[in-house]
């Protein structure tokens, strides 16, 4: 689990989140750019953009039988905009990023990590969410270990992003909140689930 949380935290750093306290060390090096920033920005405006939540859900993150890179390229309709490498416990992994989520905010993206030829981690972030009221520190304090995803969504509303990983036959799901939060600076909140139940939570600068 520590390894999966580390990968998720590394991806979240790009969205200015604080990272997870259980992350482990790893070296990430940008090794390839498949498209220019102009091309990436154009993707957001295309009506045929297939970088969306529905296709994110179709990406299987399962050890040995997860989606392949070819599967994901075909599903999303194009190759990734950027690729980076990482090594954890001697296992080589590659992280592929597709910029421009359909209907998302500037900087929105979908990221998939592959190891041994299959997807083990996926994330989509940057969704626009209109909240009826800001999420506060009091709301955060109401989150309790063991709560269901439905209960958390009733309390906090729709997330701005999602991550999912599968390591050691343990599926870990992360919900990311970055907009409509009460606080100075750039407050953030994320909650982690296993087996559909709240496992951990973390926030930064909530009031």
N, C-alpha and C. Protein backbone atom coordinates (compact mmCIF):
# COMPACT_ATOMS: atom_id res chain seq x y z
N UNK A 1 0.82 -1.20 0.00
CA UNK A 1 0.00 0.00 0.00
C UNK A 1 0.86 1.25 0.00
N UNK A 2 1.98 1.24 0.76
CA UNK A 2 2.87 2.40 0.79
C UNK A 2 3.31 2.77 -0.62
N UNK A 3 3.56 1.75 -1.44
CA UNK A 3 4.03 2.00 -2.79
C UNK A 3 2.96 2.69 -3.62
N UNK A 4 1.70 2.22 -3.49
CA UNK A 4 0.63 2.83 -4.26
C UNK A 4 0.37 4.25 -3.83
N UNK A 5 0.40 4.54 -2.52
CA UNK A 5 0.19 5.89 -2.04
C UNK A 5 1.30 6.80 -2.52
N UNK A 6 2.54 6.28 -2.58
CA UNK A 6 3.67 7.07 -3.08
C UNK A 6 3.44 7.51 -4.51
N UNK A 7 2.97 6.57 -5.35
CA UNK A 7 2.73 6.90 -6.75
C UNK A 7 1.64 7.94 -6.88
N UNK A 8 0.55 7.77 -6.12
CA UNK A 8 -0.53 8.73 -6.19
C UNK A 8 -0.08 10.10 -5.73
N UNK A 9 0.72 10.16 -4.66
CA UNK A 9 1.20 11.45 -4.16
C UNK A 9 2.10 12.13 -5.16
N UNK A 10 2.92 11.34 -5.87
CA UNK A 10 3.81 11.94 -6.87
C UNK A 10 3.02 12.59 -7.99
N UNK A 11 1.93 11.95 -8.41
CA UNK A 11 1.10 12.52 -9.45
C UNK A 11 0.40 13.76 -8.94
N UNK A 12 -0.06 13.74 -7.68
CA UNK A 12 -0.78 14.86 -7.11
C UNK A 12 0.08 16.10 -6.97
N UNK A 13 1.39 15.94 -6.91
CA UNK A 13 2.27 17.09 -6.76
C UNK A 13 2.08 18.08 -7.90
N UNK A 14 1.77 17.58 -9.06
CA UNK A 14 1.55 18.46 -10.22
C UNK A 14 0.33 19.34 -10.03
N UNK A 15 -0.59 18.93 -9.15
CA UNK A 15 -1.81 19.71 -8.89
C UNK A 15 -1.68 20.53 -7.62
N UNK A 16 -0.44 20.68 -7.12
CA UNK A 16 -0.12 21.50 -5.95
C UNK A 16 -0.69 20.94 -4.65
N UNK A 17 -0.92 19.64 -4.61
CA UNK A 17 -1.30 19.04 -3.35
C UNK A 17 -0.07 18.78 -2.52
N UNK A 18 -0.28 18.53 -1.24
CA UNK A 18 0.85 18.40 -0.33
C UNK A 18 1.51 17.04 -0.39
N UNK A 19 0.82 16.01 -0.92
CA UNK A 19 1.39 14.66 -0.96
C UNK A 19 0.92 13.86 0.22
N UNK A 20 1.19 12.58 0.17
CA UNK A 20 0.71 11.68 1.22
C UNK A 20 1.83 11.33 2.17
N UNK A 21 1.52 11.22 3.45
CA UNK A 21 2.53 10.95 4.46
C UNK A 21 3.13 9.57 4.34
N UNK A 22 2.47 8.68 3.58
CA UNK A 22 2.98 7.32 3.44
C UNK A 22 3.77 7.10 2.17
N UNK A 23 4.08 8.17 1.47
CA UNK A 23 4.78 7.99 0.20
C UNK A 23 6.19 7.51 0.44
N UNK A 24 6.76 6.74 -0.50
CA UNK A 24 8.12 6.27 -0.44
C UNK A 24 8.94 6.97 -1.50
N UNK A 25 10.26 6.89 -1.40
CA UNK A 25 11.12 7.63 -2.32
C UNK A 25 11.12 6.99 -3.68
N UNK A 26 11.31 7.82 -4.70
CA UNK A 26 11.39 7.34 -6.06
C UNK A 26 11.93 8.41 -6.96
N UNK A 27 12.60 8.03 -8.03
CA UNK A 27 13.17 8.98 -8.97
C UNK A 27 12.34 9.01 -10.23
N UNK A 28 11.87 10.24 -10.58
CA UNK A 28 11.08 10.43 -11.78
C UNK A 28 11.85 11.33 -12.73
N UNK A 29 12.02 10.91 -13.96
CA UNK A 29 12.74 11.69 -14.96
C UNK A 29 11.92 11.78 -16.22
N UNK A 30 11.65 13.00 -16.66
CA UNK A 30 10.89 13.21 -17.89
C UNK A 30 11.76 12.77 -19.06
N UNK A 31 11.27 11.84 -19.88
CA UNK A 31 12.11 11.28 -20.94
C UNK A 31 11.55 11.51 -22.34
N UNK A 32 10.28 12.01 -22.42
CA UNK A 32 9.73 12.15 -23.77
C UNK A 32 8.57 13.10 -23.77
N UNK A 33 8.44 13.92 -24.83
CA UNK A 33 7.27 14.78 -25.04
C UNK A 33 6.66 14.39 -26.37
N UNK A 34 5.43 13.89 -26.33
CA UNK A 34 4.80 13.40 -27.56
C UNK A 34 4.07 14.49 -28.32
N UNK A 35 3.82 15.62 -27.67
CA UNK A 35 3.13 16.72 -28.35
C UNK A 35 3.50 18.03 -27.72
N UNK A 36 3.41 19.12 -28.47
CA UNK A 36 3.72 20.44 -27.95
C UNK A 36 2.61 20.92 -27.05
N UNK A 37 2.88 21.99 -26.25
CA UNK A 37 1.86 22.50 -25.37
C UNK A 37 0.69 23.06 -26.16
N UNK A 38 0.95 23.58 -27.35
CA UNK A 38 -0.13 24.09 -28.19
C UNK A 38 -1.04 22.96 -28.62
N UNK A 39 -0.45 21.86 -29.01
CA UNK A 39 -1.26 20.71 -29.42
C UNK A 39 -2.09 20.20 -28.26
N UNK A 40 -1.48 20.21 -27.06
CA UNK A 40 -2.20 19.73 -25.89
C UNK A 40 -3.38 20.63 -25.58
N UNK A 41 -3.18 21.96 -25.67
CA UNK A 41 -4.26 22.88 -25.37
C UNK A 41 -5.39 22.74 -26.37
N UNK A 42 -5.05 22.40 -27.61
CA UNK A 42 -6.07 22.23 -28.63
C UNK A 42 -6.98 21.05 -28.33
N UNK A 43 -6.43 20.03 -27.65
CA UNK A 43 -7.20 18.83 -27.34
C UNK A 43 -8.42 19.19 -26.51
N UNK A 44 -8.26 20.17 -25.59
CA UNK A 44 -9.34 20.52 -24.69
C UNK A 44 -10.55 21.05 -25.45
N UNK A 45 -10.32 21.71 -26.57
CA UNK A 45 -11.41 22.34 -27.31
C UNK A 45 -12.07 21.41 -28.33
N UNK A 46 -11.52 20.25 -28.53
CA UNK A 46 -12.07 19.34 -29.52
C UNK A 46 -13.34 18.68 -29.00
N UNK A 47 -14.41 18.71 -29.81
CA UNK A 47 -15.65 18.08 -29.39
C UNK A 47 -15.52 16.56 -29.32
N UNK A 48 -14.52 16.02 -30.01
CA UNK A 48 -14.33 14.57 -30.03
C UNK A 48 -13.35 14.11 -28.95
N UNK A 49 -13.01 14.99 -28.02
CA UNK A 49 -12.07 14.65 -26.97
C UNK A 49 -12.53 13.42 -26.19
N UNK A 50 -11.69 12.41 -26.15
CA UNK A 50 -12.03 11.17 -25.46
C UNK A 50 -11.32 11.04 -24.11
N UNK A 51 -10.69 12.12 -23.67
CA UNK A 51 -10.08 12.13 -22.34
C UNK A 51 -11.17 12.54 -21.36
N UNK A 52 -11.94 11.58 -20.89
CA UNK A 52 -13.08 11.88 -20.03
C UNK A 52 -13.24 10.81 -18.95
N UNK A 53 -14.15 11.07 -18.02
CA UNK A 53 -14.33 10.17 -16.89
C UNK A 53 -14.85 8.80 -17.32
N UNK A 54 -15.70 8.79 -18.33
CA UNK A 54 -16.26 7.51 -18.79
C UNK A 54 -15.15 6.58 -19.29
N UNK A 55 -14.22 7.12 -20.05
CA UNK A 55 -13.12 6.29 -20.54
C UNK A 55 -12.11 5.99 -19.44
N UNK A 56 -11.93 6.92 -18.52
CA UNK A 56 -11.08 6.65 -17.35
C UNK A 56 -11.56 5.41 -16.61
N UNK A 57 -12.88 5.30 -16.45
CA UNK A 57 -13.43 4.15 -15.74
C UNK A 57 -13.16 2.83 -16.47
N UNK A 58 -13.01 2.89 -17.79
CA UNK A 58 -12.80 1.67 -18.58
C UNK A 58 -11.36 1.16 -18.51
N UNK A 59 -10.44 1.97 -18.01
CA UNK A 59 -9.05 1.54 -17.90
C UNK A 59 -8.92 0.61 -16.70
N UNK A 60 -8.49 -0.62 -16.95
CA UNK A 60 -8.38 -1.61 -15.88
C UNK A 60 -7.01 -1.51 -15.21
N UNK A 61 -7.01 -1.32 -13.89
CA UNK A 61 -5.76 -1.33 -13.14
C UNK A 61 -5.75 -2.59 -12.26
N UNK A 62 -5.16 -3.64 -12.81
CA UNK A 62 -5.11 -4.94 -12.15
C UNK A 62 -3.76 -5.56 -12.43
N UNK A 63 -3.10 -6.06 -11.40
CA UNK A 63 -1.82 -6.73 -11.60
C UNK A 63 -2.00 -7.91 -12.56
N UNK A 64 -1.12 -8.00 -13.52
CA UNK A 64 -1.04 -9.07 -14.52
C UNK A 64 -2.10 -8.97 -15.62
N UNK A 65 -3.31 -8.49 -15.31
CA UNK A 65 -4.37 -8.48 -16.32
C UNK A 65 -4.92 -7.08 -16.59
N UNK A 66 -4.20 -6.02 -16.16
CA UNK A 66 -4.67 -4.66 -16.40
C UNK A 66 -4.57 -4.26 -17.86
N UNK A 67 -5.12 -3.09 -18.19
CA UNK A 67 -5.07 -2.59 -19.56
C UNK A 67 -3.63 -2.39 -20.01
N UNK A 68 -3.36 -2.64 -21.27
CA UNK A 68 -2.04 -2.39 -21.84
C UNK A 68 -1.99 -0.96 -22.38
N UNK A 69 -0.79 -0.50 -22.72
CA UNK A 69 -0.65 0.83 -23.32
C UNK A 69 -1.43 0.92 -24.62
N UNK A 70 -1.39 -0.14 -25.40
CA UNK A 70 -2.14 -0.16 -26.66
C UNK A 70 -3.64 -0.03 -26.40
N UNK A 71 -4.13 -0.71 -25.37
CA UNK A 71 -5.54 -0.61 -25.00
C UNK A 71 -5.91 0.84 -24.69
N UNK A 72 -5.07 1.50 -23.89
CA UNK A 72 -5.38 2.86 -23.45
C UNK A 72 -5.28 3.85 -24.60
N UNK A 73 -4.25 3.71 -25.44
CA UNK A 73 -4.12 4.58 -26.61
C UNK A 73 -5.35 4.47 -27.51
N UNK A 74 -5.81 3.26 -27.71
CA UNK A 74 -6.99 3.04 -28.56
C UNK A 74 -8.23 3.62 -27.90
N UNK A 75 -8.36 3.45 -26.60
CA UNK A 75 -9.52 3.96 -25.87
C UNK A 75 -9.59 5.48 -25.91
N UNK A 76 -8.42 6.14 -25.72
CA UNK A 76 -8.37 7.60 -25.66
C UNK A 76 -8.22 8.25 -27.03
N UNK A 77 -7.90 7.46 -28.03
CA UNK A 77 -7.85 7.98 -29.38
C UNK A 77 -6.54 8.62 -29.80
N UNK A 78 -5.53 8.59 -28.95
CA UNK A 78 -4.23 9.16 -29.29
C UNK A 78 -3.18 8.73 -28.28
N UNK A 79 -1.92 8.98 -28.63
CA UNK A 79 -0.83 8.66 -27.72
C UNK A 79 -0.70 9.72 -26.64
N UNK A 80 0.04 9.40 -25.60
CA UNK A 80 0.22 10.31 -24.47
C UNK A 80 1.02 11.53 -24.88
N UNK A 81 0.81 12.64 -24.14
CA UNK A 81 1.55 13.87 -24.38
C UNK A 81 2.93 13.85 -23.70
N UNK A 82 3.06 13.07 -22.65
CA UNK A 82 4.34 13.02 -21.94
C UNK A 82 4.51 11.65 -21.30
N UNK A 83 5.78 11.25 -21.17
CA UNK A 83 6.12 9.97 -20.56
C UNK A 83 7.24 10.20 -19.56
N UNK A 84 7.15 9.59 -18.39
CA UNK A 84 8.23 9.65 -17.41
C UNK A 84 8.51 8.25 -16.88
N UNK A 85 9.70 8.06 -16.35
CA UNK A 85 10.12 6.76 -15.83
C UNK A 85 10.27 6.82 -14.32
N UNK A 86 10.10 5.66 -13.69
CA UNK A 86 10.29 5.53 -12.25
C UNK A 86 10.74 4.12 -11.95
N UNK A 87 11.38 3.94 -10.81
CA UNK A 87 11.80 2.61 -10.37
C UNK A 87 11.49 2.47 -8.89
N UNK A 88 10.75 1.43 -8.54
CA UNK A 88 10.37 1.19 -7.16
C UNK A 88 10.63 -0.27 -6.80
N UNK A 89 11.46 -0.46 -5.79
CA UNK A 89 11.77 -1.81 -5.34
C UNK A 89 12.25 -2.70 -6.49
N UNK A 90 13.01 -2.07 -7.41
CA UNK A 90 13.58 -2.83 -8.51
C UNK A 90 12.64 -3.04 -9.68
N UNK A 91 11.40 -2.57 -9.56
CA UNK A 91 10.42 -2.72 -10.63
C UNK A 91 10.40 -1.43 -11.45
N UNK A 92 10.62 -1.56 -12.77
CA UNK A 92 10.61 -0.39 -13.64
C UNK A 92 9.18 -0.07 -14.05
N UNK A 93 8.82 1.20 -13.93
CA UNK A 93 7.48 1.64 -14.32
C UNK A 93 7.58 2.86 -15.22
N UNK A 94 6.55 3.07 -16.03
CA UNK A 94 6.45 4.25 -16.87
C UNK A 94 5.11 4.94 -16.62
N UNK A 95 5.14 6.27 -16.54
CA UNK A 95 3.94 7.06 -16.30
C UNK A 95 3.60 7.84 -17.57
N UNK A 96 2.42 7.61 -18.11
CA UNK A 96 1.97 8.27 -19.34
C UNK A 96 0.89 9.30 -18.99
N UNK A 97 1.01 10.50 -19.55
CA UNK A 97 0.08 11.59 -19.24
C UNK A 97 -0.59 12.12 -20.50
N UNK A 98 -1.91 12.18 -20.47
CA UNK A 98 -2.71 12.77 -21.54
C UNK A 98 -3.28 14.09 -21.02
N UNK A 99 -2.93 15.20 -21.67
CA UNK A 99 -3.36 16.51 -21.23
C UNK A 99 -4.75 16.86 -21.76
N UNK A 100 -5.51 17.64 -20.97
CA UNK A 100 -6.76 18.19 -21.44
C UNK A 100 -7.97 17.30 -21.28
N UNK A 101 -8.53 17.24 -20.07
CA UNK A 101 -9.74 16.46 -19.83
C UNK A 101 -10.94 17.21 -20.41
N UNK A 102 -11.83 16.49 -21.05
CA UNK A 102 -13.03 17.11 -21.65
C UNK A 102 -13.81 17.86 -20.58
N UNK A 103 -14.03 19.16 -20.81
CA UNK A 103 -14.77 19.97 -19.86
C UNK A 103 -14.01 20.30 -18.60
N UNK A 104 -12.71 20.00 -18.57
CA UNK A 104 -11.93 20.22 -17.36
C UNK A 104 -11.31 21.61 -17.29
N UNK A 105 -10.69 21.88 -16.15
CA UNK A 105 -10.00 23.14 -15.94
C UNK A 105 -8.66 23.12 -16.67
N UNK A 106 -8.02 24.30 -16.76
CA UNK A 106 -6.68 24.38 -17.33
C UNK A 106 -5.74 23.50 -16.50
N UNK A 107 -4.93 22.72 -17.17
CA UNK A 107 -4.01 21.83 -16.47
C UNK A 107 -4.60 20.46 -16.15
N UNK A 108 -5.85 20.23 -16.53
CA UNK A 108 -6.46 18.92 -16.27
C UNK A 108 -5.76 17.85 -17.09
N UNK A 109 -5.71 16.63 -16.55
CA UNK A 109 -5.03 15.55 -17.27
C UNK A 109 -5.48 14.19 -16.79
N UNK A 110 -5.11 13.18 -17.56
CA UNK A 110 -5.32 11.79 -17.20
C UNK A 110 -3.96 11.11 -17.25
N UNK A 111 -3.63 10.38 -16.19
CA UNK A 111 -2.32 9.76 -16.06
C UNK A 111 -2.48 8.27 -15.77
N UNK A 112 -1.67 7.46 -16.44
CA UNK A 112 -1.68 6.01 -16.20
C UNK A 112 -0.26 5.53 -16.00
N UNK A 113 -0.05 4.73 -14.97
CA UNK A 113 1.27 4.14 -14.72
C UNK A 113 1.24 2.66 -15.10
N UNK A 114 2.25 2.26 -15.86
CA UNK A 114 2.36 0.88 -16.31
C UNK A 114 3.59 0.21 -15.70
N UNK A 115 3.44 -1.04 -15.29
CA UNK A 115 4.54 -1.86 -14.83
C UNK A 115 4.36 -3.27 -15.39
N UNK A 116 5.42 -3.81 -15.93
CA UNK A 116 5.38 -5.15 -16.53
C UNK A 116 4.29 -5.25 -17.60
N UNK A 117 4.10 -4.13 -18.32
CA UNK A 117 3.22 -4.14 -19.47
C UNK A 117 1.75 -3.86 -19.22
N UNK A 118 1.34 -3.70 -17.95
CA UNK A 118 -0.07 -3.46 -17.67
C UNK A 118 -0.24 -2.26 -16.74
N UNK A 119 -1.44 -1.68 -16.75
CA UNK A 119 -1.74 -0.52 -15.93
C UNK A 119 -1.96 -0.93 -14.47
N UNK A 120 -1.29 -0.21 -13.56
CA UNK A 120 -1.47 -0.46 -12.13
C UNK A 120 -1.97 0.76 -11.38
N UNK A 121 -1.80 1.94 -11.95
CA UNK A 121 -2.28 3.18 -11.34
C UNK A 121 -2.88 4.06 -12.43
N UNK A 122 -4.02 4.69 -12.11
CA UNK A 122 -4.60 5.67 -13.04
C UNK A 122 -5.12 6.85 -12.24
N UNK A 123 -5.10 8.03 -12.86
CA UNK A 123 -5.63 9.23 -12.22
C UNK A 123 -6.21 10.16 -13.27
N UNK A 124 -7.31 10.79 -12.93
CA UNK A 124 -7.87 11.85 -13.76
C UNK A 124 -8.17 13.03 -12.83
N UNK A 125 -7.76 14.22 -13.22
CA UNK A 125 -7.89 15.37 -12.33
C UNK A 125 -8.21 16.63 -13.11
N UNK A 126 -8.75 17.63 -12.40
CA UNK A 126 -9.05 18.91 -13.01
C UNK A 126 -10.49 19.11 -13.43
N UNK A 127 -11.42 18.31 -12.87
CA UNK A 127 -12.83 18.51 -13.19
C UNK A 127 -13.36 19.80 -12.57
N UNK A 128 -14.22 20.49 -13.31
CA UNK A 128 -14.90 21.66 -12.77
C UNK A 128 -16.10 21.18 -11.96
N UNK A 129 -16.20 21.66 -10.72
CA UNK A 129 -17.31 21.28 -9.84
C UNK A 129 -17.92 22.54 -9.24
N UNK A 130 -19.20 22.72 -9.43
CA UNK A 130 -19.91 23.85 -8.83
C UNK A 130 -20.55 23.40 -7.52
N UNK A 131 -20.02 23.89 -6.40
CA UNK A 131 -20.51 23.48 -5.09
C UNK A 131 -21.50 24.50 -4.54
N UNK A 132 -22.54 24.01 -3.89
CA UNK A 132 -23.53 24.90 -3.29
C UNK A 132 -22.95 25.64 -2.08
N UNK A 133 -21.97 25.02 -1.41
CA UNK A 133 -21.29 25.67 -0.31
C UNK A 133 -19.86 25.15 -0.23
N UNK A 134 -18.99 25.99 0.34
CA UNK A 134 -17.59 25.59 0.46
C UNK A 134 -17.42 24.43 1.44
N UNK A 135 -16.45 23.58 1.17
CA UNK A 135 -16.06 22.53 2.11
C UNK A 135 -15.19 23.17 3.19
N UNK A 136 -15.48 22.90 4.43
CA UNK A 136 -14.78 23.53 5.55
C UNK A 136 -14.02 22.51 6.38
N UNK A 137 -13.23 23.03 7.32
CA UNK A 137 -12.50 22.15 8.24
C UNK A 137 -13.47 21.33 9.08
N UNK A 138 -14.61 21.89 9.42
CA UNK A 138 -15.62 21.15 10.19
C UNK A 138 -16.14 19.96 9.38
N UNK A 139 -16.32 20.16 8.09
CA UNK A 139 -16.73 19.04 7.23
C UNK A 139 -15.67 17.95 7.24
N UNK A 140 -14.42 18.37 7.12
CA UNK A 140 -13.30 17.42 7.12
C UNK A 140 -13.28 16.60 8.41
N UNK A 141 -13.53 17.27 9.52
CA UNK A 141 -13.49 16.60 10.82
C UNK A 141 -14.60 15.59 11.00
N UNK A 142 -15.65 15.69 10.18
CA UNK A 142 -16.75 14.73 10.24
C UNK A 142 -16.42 13.42 9.52
N UNK A 143 -15.34 13.42 8.74
CA UNK A 143 -14.93 12.21 8.04
C UNK A 143 -14.36 11.20 9.04
N UNK A 144 -14.89 9.99 9.02
CA UNK A 144 -14.46 8.96 9.95
C UNK A 144 -14.05 7.69 9.19
N UNK A 145 -13.02 7.05 9.70
CA UNK A 145 -12.54 5.80 9.10
C UNK A 145 -13.68 4.79 9.05
N UNK A 146 -13.82 4.14 7.92
CA UNK A 146 -14.86 3.13 7.75
C UNK A 146 -16.12 3.64 7.08
N UNK A 147 -16.22 4.97 6.87
CA UNK A 147 -17.39 5.50 6.17
C UNK A 147 -17.42 5.03 4.72
N UNK A 148 -18.62 4.90 4.18
CA UNK A 148 -18.78 4.47 2.79
C UNK A 148 -18.49 5.62 1.84
N UNK A 149 -18.23 5.29 0.58
CA UNK A 149 -18.02 6.32 -0.44
C UNK A 149 -19.27 7.19 -0.58
N UNK A 150 -20.44 6.58 -0.48
CA UNK A 150 -21.69 7.33 -0.60
C UNK A 150 -21.82 8.36 0.51
N UNK A 151 -21.44 7.97 1.72
CA UNK A 151 -21.52 8.89 2.86
C UNK A 151 -20.56 10.05 2.70
N UNK A 152 -19.37 9.77 2.21
CA UNK A 152 -18.37 10.82 2.00
C UNK A 152 -18.83 11.77 0.91
N UNK A 153 -19.40 11.23 -0.16
CA UNK A 153 -19.87 12.09 -1.25
C UNK A 153 -21.04 12.96 -0.81
N UNK A 154 -21.90 12.43 0.06
CA UNK A 154 -23.00 13.23 0.60
C UNK A 154 -22.46 14.40 1.41
N UNK A 155 -21.40 14.17 2.15
CA UNK A 155 -20.80 15.21 2.99
C UNK A 155 -20.01 16.23 2.19
N UNK A 156 -19.17 15.77 1.25
CA UNK A 156 -18.23 16.64 0.56
C UNK A 156 -18.65 17.03 -0.85
N UNK A 157 -19.50 16.22 -1.46
CA UNK A 157 -19.87 16.47 -2.84
C UNK A 157 -18.92 15.78 -3.81
N UNK A 158 -19.04 16.14 -5.08
CA UNK A 158 -18.26 15.51 -6.15
C UNK A 158 -16.79 15.92 -6.07
N UNK A 159 -15.86 14.98 -6.23
CA UNK A 159 -14.43 15.32 -6.23
C UNK A 159 -14.02 16.04 -7.53
N UNK A 160 -12.86 16.70 -7.48
CA UNK A 160 -12.27 17.30 -8.67
C UNK A 160 -11.40 16.30 -9.43
N UNK A 161 -11.11 15.17 -8.80
CA UNK A 161 -10.29 14.16 -9.45
C UNK A 161 -10.35 12.84 -8.72
N UNK A 162 -9.88 11.80 -9.41
CA UNK A 162 -9.89 10.44 -8.88
C UNK A 162 -8.58 9.74 -9.21
N UNK A 163 -8.14 8.87 -8.31
CA UNK A 163 -7.03 7.98 -8.61
C UNK A 163 -7.39 6.57 -8.16
N UNK A 164 -6.83 5.59 -8.83
CA UNK A 164 -7.07 4.20 -8.45
C UNK A 164 -5.81 3.40 -8.71
N UNK A 165 -5.46 2.53 -7.78
CA UNK A 165 -4.28 1.68 -7.94
C UNK A 165 -4.59 0.27 -7.48
N UNK A 166 -3.77 -0.67 -7.98
CA UNK A 166 -3.91 -2.06 -7.58
C UNK A 166 -2.52 -2.64 -7.37
N UNK A 167 -2.15 -2.81 -6.11
CA UNK A 167 -0.88 -3.45 -5.75
C UNK A 167 -1.16 -4.52 -4.71
N UNK A 168 -0.53 -5.66 -4.87
CA UNK A 168 -0.69 -6.75 -3.90
C UNK A 168 -2.16 -7.10 -3.70
N UNK A 169 -2.92 -7.07 -4.80
CA UNK A 169 -4.35 -7.41 -4.77
C UNK A 169 -5.16 -6.50 -3.85
N UNK A 170 -4.68 -5.27 -3.65
CA UNK A 170 -5.40 -4.29 -2.84
C UNK A 170 -5.73 -3.08 -3.73
N UNK A 171 -7.02 -2.83 -3.93
CA UNK A 171 -7.45 -1.70 -4.73
C UNK A 171 -7.59 -0.48 -3.83
N UNK A 172 -6.83 0.57 -4.15
CA UNK A 172 -6.86 1.81 -3.39
C UNK A 172 -7.42 2.91 -4.27
N UNK A 173 -8.44 3.61 -3.78
CA UNK A 173 -9.08 4.68 -4.53
C UNK A 173 -8.90 5.99 -3.78
N UNK A 174 -8.50 7.02 -4.51
CA UNK A 174 -8.27 8.34 -3.93
C UNK A 174 -9.21 9.35 -4.57
N UNK A 175 -9.88 10.15 -3.73
CA UNK A 175 -10.71 11.26 -4.22
C UNK A 175 -9.99 12.57 -3.91
N UNK A 176 -9.94 13.44 -4.91
CA UNK A 176 -9.17 14.68 -4.82
C UNK A 176 -10.11 15.88 -4.85
N UNK A 177 -9.97 16.76 -3.87
CA UNK A 177 -10.77 17.99 -3.80
C UNK A 177 -9.85 19.20 -3.84
N UNK A 178 -10.03 20.07 -4.84
CA UNK A 178 -9.15 21.23 -4.98
C UNK A 178 -9.90 22.53 -5.23
N UNK A 179 -11.23 22.48 -5.36
CA UNK A 179 -11.99 23.70 -5.59
C UNK A 179 -13.18 23.76 -4.64
N UNK A 180 -13.63 24.98 -4.32
CA UNK A 180 -14.76 25.14 -3.42
C UNK A 180 -14.42 24.75 -2.00
N UNK A 181 -13.17 25.00 -1.60
CA UNK A 181 -12.73 24.72 -0.24
C UNK A 181 -12.48 26.04 0.49
N UNK A 182 -12.90 26.14 1.74
CA UNK A 182 -12.71 27.36 2.52
C UNK A 182 -11.32 27.37 3.13
N UNK A 183 -10.55 28.41 2.84
CA UNK A 183 -9.21 28.51 3.40
C UNK A 183 -8.35 29.47 2.62
N UNK A 184 -7.28 29.91 3.24
CA UNK A 184 -6.34 30.81 2.59
C UNK A 184 -5.41 30.02 1.66
N UNK A 185 -4.84 30.73 0.68
CA UNK A 185 -3.90 30.07 -0.21
C UNK A 185 -4.60 29.09 -1.14
N UNK A 186 -4.09 27.87 -1.19
CA UNK A 186 -4.64 26.84 -2.07
C UNK A 186 -5.00 25.61 -1.25
N UNK A 187 -6.12 25.67 -0.52
CA UNK A 187 -6.50 24.52 0.31
C UNK A 187 -6.79 23.29 -0.55
N UNK A 188 -6.56 22.13 0.02
CA UNK A 188 -6.81 20.87 -0.69
C UNK A 188 -7.23 19.81 0.31
N UNK A 189 -7.88 18.79 -0.20
CA UNK A 189 -8.36 17.70 0.65
C UNK A 189 -8.39 16.44 -0.19
N UNK A 190 -7.95 15.34 0.38
CA UNK A 190 -8.17 14.08 -0.32
C UNK A 190 -8.43 12.95 0.66
N UNK A 191 -9.22 12.01 0.19
CA UNK A 191 -9.61 10.87 1.02
C UNK A 191 -9.28 9.59 0.27
N UNK A 192 -8.85 8.58 1.01
CA UNK A 192 -8.44 7.30 0.43
C UNK A 192 -9.38 6.19 0.90
N UNK A 193 -9.78 5.35 -0.05
CA UNK A 193 -10.68 4.23 0.25
C UNK A 193 -10.02 2.90 -0.09
N UNK A 194 -10.34 1.89 0.68
CA UNK A 194 -10.05 0.50 0.32
C UNK A 194 -11.29 -0.32 0.61
N UNK A 195 -11.63 -1.21 -0.32
CA UNK A 195 -12.84 -2.03 -0.20
C UNK A 195 -14.07 -1.17 0.01
N UNK A 196 -14.09 0.01 -0.61
CA UNK A 196 -15.25 0.88 -0.56
C UNK A 196 -15.43 1.66 0.73
N UNK A 197 -14.47 1.54 1.66
CA UNK A 197 -14.56 2.21 2.96
C UNK A 197 -13.42 3.20 3.14
N UNK A 198 -13.71 4.30 3.84
CA UNK A 198 -12.71 5.34 4.08
C UNK A 198 -11.56 4.78 4.90
N UNK A 199 -10.35 4.89 4.36
CA UNK A 199 -9.16 4.38 5.02
C UNK A 199 -8.36 5.50 5.68
N UNK A 200 -8.20 6.63 4.96
CA UNK A 200 -7.43 7.74 5.51
C UNK A 200 -7.87 9.03 4.87
N UNK A 201 -7.47 10.15 5.47
CA UNK A 201 -7.81 11.47 4.94
C UNK A 201 -6.65 12.41 5.19
N UNK A 202 -6.59 13.46 4.39
CA UNK A 202 -5.56 14.48 4.57
C UNK A 202 -6.05 15.80 3.99
N UNK A 203 -5.70 16.90 4.65
CA UNK A 203 -6.10 18.21 4.17
C UNK A 203 -4.96 19.20 4.35
N UNK A 204 -5.03 20.28 3.61
CA UNK A 204 -4.04 21.35 3.73
C UNK A 204 -4.75 22.69 3.66
N UNK A 205 -4.54 23.54 4.67
CA UNK A 205 -5.01 24.93 4.71
C UNK A 205 -6.52 25.09 4.74
N UNK A 206 -7.26 24.07 5.17
CA UNK A 206 -8.70 24.23 5.33
C UNK A 206 -9.01 25.05 6.57
N UNK A 207 -10.09 25.81 6.50
CA UNK A 207 -10.54 26.60 7.66
C UNK A 207 -12.00 26.28 7.97
